[in-house]
Amino acid sequence: MKRIILHWSAGGYTPSQVDFEHYHFLVLKNGDILKGKYTPEDNLNCNDGHYAAHTGGFNTGSIGIALCAMYGYKNPKNPGNYPFLRVQGEAMWAYCATLLKKYGLKPLKDTVLTHYEVGKMLPNSTSAGKIDISFIPYEPLITADEAGDYIRNKVRWYYER
């Protein structure tokens, strides 16, 4: 595996069947983590159609993790009724550290990315314009362009423990 890409599901706090098909791991409201339909290793070869399609243009070698939340999100001033919670975020950051260690990766900008960051890197892909994770509801002063670095710092903290 080459990297982990972080998402929010844009749904409620319970994963849908589509969520299970598109993400390798799903983080519930209480911080529990569920496995999706596909394993991360299924994304080593995306040519066979048997993989988690979570990030247009960047699925091969990528692990997809989603926070089950953010349905109704419009913007930071109108986050909808299902903002992701601190317990979910912390569970995701900690699980990222575990996965990085499992796959021999370090917590760097090219190994832990938000879907938002991938969309900016690949403007001609279907990931262009994606907004997950560009807002952290319990840290509202962090801007969209700062969110990835904030998350990587959190992942790094867990990785070093």
Protein backbone atom coordinates (compact mmCIF):
# COMPACT_ATOMS: atom_id res chain seq x y z
CA MET A 1 0.00 0.00 0.00
CA LYS A 2 1.15 3.54 -0.75
CA ARG A 3 -1.19 5.85 1.12
CA ILE A 4 -4.33 6.44 3.15
CA ILE A 5 -7.03 8.77 1.89
CA LEU A 6 -9.44 10.22 4.42
CA HIS A 7 -13.10 10.95 3.72
CA TRP A 8 -16.40 11.71 5.27
CA SER A 9 -19.33 9.71 3.95
CA ALA A 10 -21.68 12.71 3.55
CA GLY A 11 -24.28 10.50 5.26
CA GLY A 12 -25.58 10.07 8.75
CA TYR A 13 -23.84 8.35 11.63
CA THR A 14 -24.76 4.88 10.30
CA PRO A 15 -23.00 3.58 7.18
CA SER A 16 -25.02 2.75 4.08
CA GLN A 17 -24.47 -0.25 1.80
CA VAL A 18 -22.75 2.11 -0.65
CA ASP A 19 -20.35 3.19 2.11
CA PHE A 20 -19.37 -0.45 2.74
CA GLU A 21 -18.62 -0.86 -0.98
CA HIS A 22 -16.56 2.33 -1.36
CA TYR A 23 -14.42 2.44 1.78
CA HIS A 24 -12.12 -0.07 3.42
CA PHE A 25 -12.95 1.21 6.88
CA LEU A 26 -15.82 3.23 8.35
CA VAL A 27 -15.69 5.21 11.60
CA LEU A 28 -18.96 5.25 13.52
CA LYS A 29 -20.34 7.99 15.79
CA ASN A 30 -18.89 6.32 18.91
CA GLY A 31 -15.45 5.81 17.32
CA ASP A 32 -15.89 2.12 16.51
CA ILE A 33 -14.39 1.08 13.19
CA LEU A 34 -16.09 -1.29 10.77
CA LYS A 35 -14.51 -3.03 7.79
CA GLY A 36 -15.86 -2.40 4.33
CA LYS A 37 -16.53 -5.00 1.64
CA TYR A 38 -13.01 -4.84 0.21
CA THR A 39 -9.60 -5.22 1.84
CA PRO A 40 -6.88 -2.63 1.30
CA GLU A 41 -4.98 -5.24 -0.74
CA ASP A 42 -7.89 -5.33 -3.22
CA ASN A 43 -6.78 -1.82 -4.22
CA LEU A 44 -3.31 -2.95 -5.27
CA ASN A 45 -4.84 -3.76 -8.67
CA CYS A 46 -7.91 -1.79 -9.62
CA ASN A 47 -8.10 -3.18 -13.17
CA ASP A 48 -10.19 -6.18 -12.12
CA GLY A 49 -13.14 -4.14 -10.82
CA HIS A 50 -12.83 -5.78 -7.38
CA TYR A 51 -11.74 -2.82 -5.24
CA ALA A 52 -13.02 0.02 -3.08
CA ALA A 53 -13.63 2.97 -5.43
CA HIS A 54 -13.25 5.83 -2.96
CA THR A 55 -11.02 8.36 -4.73
CA GLY A 56 -11.37 8.99 -8.45
CA GLY A 57 -7.98 8.89 -10.13
CA PHE A 58 -6.13 7.68 -7.03
CA ASN A 59 -7.55 4.33 -5.90
CA THR A 60 -4.62 2.10 -6.81
CA GLY A 61 -2.49 1.52 -3.73
CA SER A 62 -4.79 3.68 -1.60
CA ILE A 63 -6.65 2.76 1.57
CA GLY A 64 -9.96 4.60 1.98
CA ILE A 65 -11.29 5.44 5.44
CA ALA A 66 -14.51 7.41 5.97
CA LEU A 67 -16.08 9.11 8.93
CA CYS A 68 -19.80 8.24 8.92
CA ALA A 69 -21.06 11.80 9.10
CA MET A 70 -21.57 15.18 7.43
CA TYR A 71 -24.97 14.66 5.78
CA GLY A 72 -26.38 18.09 5.01
CA TYR A 73 -23.02 19.88 5.16
CA LYS A 74 -23.14 23.12 3.16
CA ASN A 75 -20.25 25.14 4.59
CA PRO A 76 -18.55 25.73 7.97
CA LYS A 77 -21.39 28.00 9.10
CA ASN A 78 -23.99 25.40 8.07
CA PRO A 79 -22.47 21.95 8.86
CA GLY A 80 -25.76 20.04 8.80
CA ASN A 81 -27.18 17.76 11.49
CA TYR A 82 -24.46 15.08 11.37
CA PRO A 83 -21.11 16.81 11.94
CA PHE A 84 -18.33 14.38 12.66
CA LEU A 85 -17.46 14.23 16.32
CA ARG A 86 -14.14 14.49 18.14
CA VAL A 87 -14.38 10.82 19.16
CA GLN A 88 -14.71 9.89 15.48
CA GLY A 89 -11.82 12.07 14.41
CA GLU A 90 -9.52 10.77 17.13
CA ALA A 91 -10.47 7.18 16.28
CA MET A 92 -9.67 7.83 12.61
CA TRP A 93 -6.33 9.50 13.35
CA ALA A 94 -5.32 6.65 15.68
CA TYR A 95 -6.39 3.97 13.19
CA CYS A 96 -4.40 5.71 10.45
CA ALA A 97 -1.30 5.42 12.63
CA THR A 98 -1.99 1.70 13.08
CA LEU A 99 -2.40 1.19 9.32
CA LEU A 100 0.75 3.18 8.53
CA LYS A 101 2.74 0.91 10.81
CA LYS A 102 1.13 -2.22 9.37
CA TYR A 103 2.11 -1.23 5.83
CA GLY A 104 5.54 0.20 6.68
CA LEU A 105 4.63 3.81 5.93
CA LYS A 106 5.43 7.05 7.75
CA PRO A 107 2.89 9.82 8.51
CA LEU A 108 3.80 12.19 5.67
CA LYS A 109 1.99 14.48 3.25
CA ASP A 110 2.13 11.84 0.50
CA THR A 111 0.97 8.94 2.70
CA VAL A 112 -1.94 10.55 4.58
CA LEU A 113 -4.18 12.77 2.47
CA THR A 114 -7.71 14.07 2.56
CA HIS A 115 -9.97 13.61 -0.46
CA TYR A 116 -10.01 17.41 -0.66
CA GLU A 117 -6.21 17.43 -1.07
CA VAL A 118 -6.31 14.74 -3.75
CA GLY A 119 -8.91 16.74 -5.65
CA LYS A 120 -6.59 19.75 -5.66
CA MET A 121 -3.68 17.55 -6.86
CA LEU A 122 -5.75 15.93 -9.63
CA PRO A 123 -7.92 18.72 -11.08
CA ASN A 124 -8.90 16.62 -14.11
CA SER A 125 -10.19 13.67 -12.08
CA THR A 126 -13.56 12.98 -10.48
CA SER A 127 -11.90 13.88 -7.16
CA ALA A 128 -11.66 17.52 -8.25
CA GLY A 129 -13.85 19.72 -6.08
CA LYS A 130 -14.32 17.15 -3.30
CA ILE A 131 -14.64 18.80 0.09
CA ASP A 132 -13.91 15.91 2.46
CA ILE A 133 -12.11 16.52 4.78
CA SER A 134 -11.92 20.31 4.46
CA PHE A 135 -13.71 21.19 7.69
CA ILE A 136 -13.24 19.89 11.22
CA PRO A 137 -16.44 20.72 13.13
CA TYR A 138 -14.86 20.73 16.59
CA GLU A 139 -11.91 22.86 15.38
CA PRO A 140 -13.78 25.48 13.32
CA LEU A 141 -10.85 27.91 13.00
CA ILE A 142 -8.82 25.42 10.93
CA THR A 143 -9.22 26.31 7.26
CA ALA A 144 -9.77 23.85 4.41
CA ASP A 145 -6.13 24.19 3.35
CA GLU A 146 -4.90 23.62 6.93
CA ALA A 147 -7.07 20.57 7.68
CA GLY A 148 -4.72 18.02 6.08
CA ASP A 149 -1.72 19.26 8.07
CA TYR A 150 -3.78 19.29 11.28
CA ILE A 151 -4.82 15.70 10.64
CA ARG A 152 -1.29 14.55 9.79
CA ASN A 153 -0.01 16.09 13.02
CA LYS A 154 -2.66 14.17 14.94
CA VAL A 155 -1.80 10.95 13.09
CA ARG A 156 1.90 11.56 13.77
CA TRP A 157 1.15 11.95 17.50
CA TYR A 158 -0.59 8.55 17.57
CA TYR A 159 2.12 7.00 15.38
CA GLU A 160 4.85 8.01 17.85
CA ARG A 161 3.06 6.50 20.86
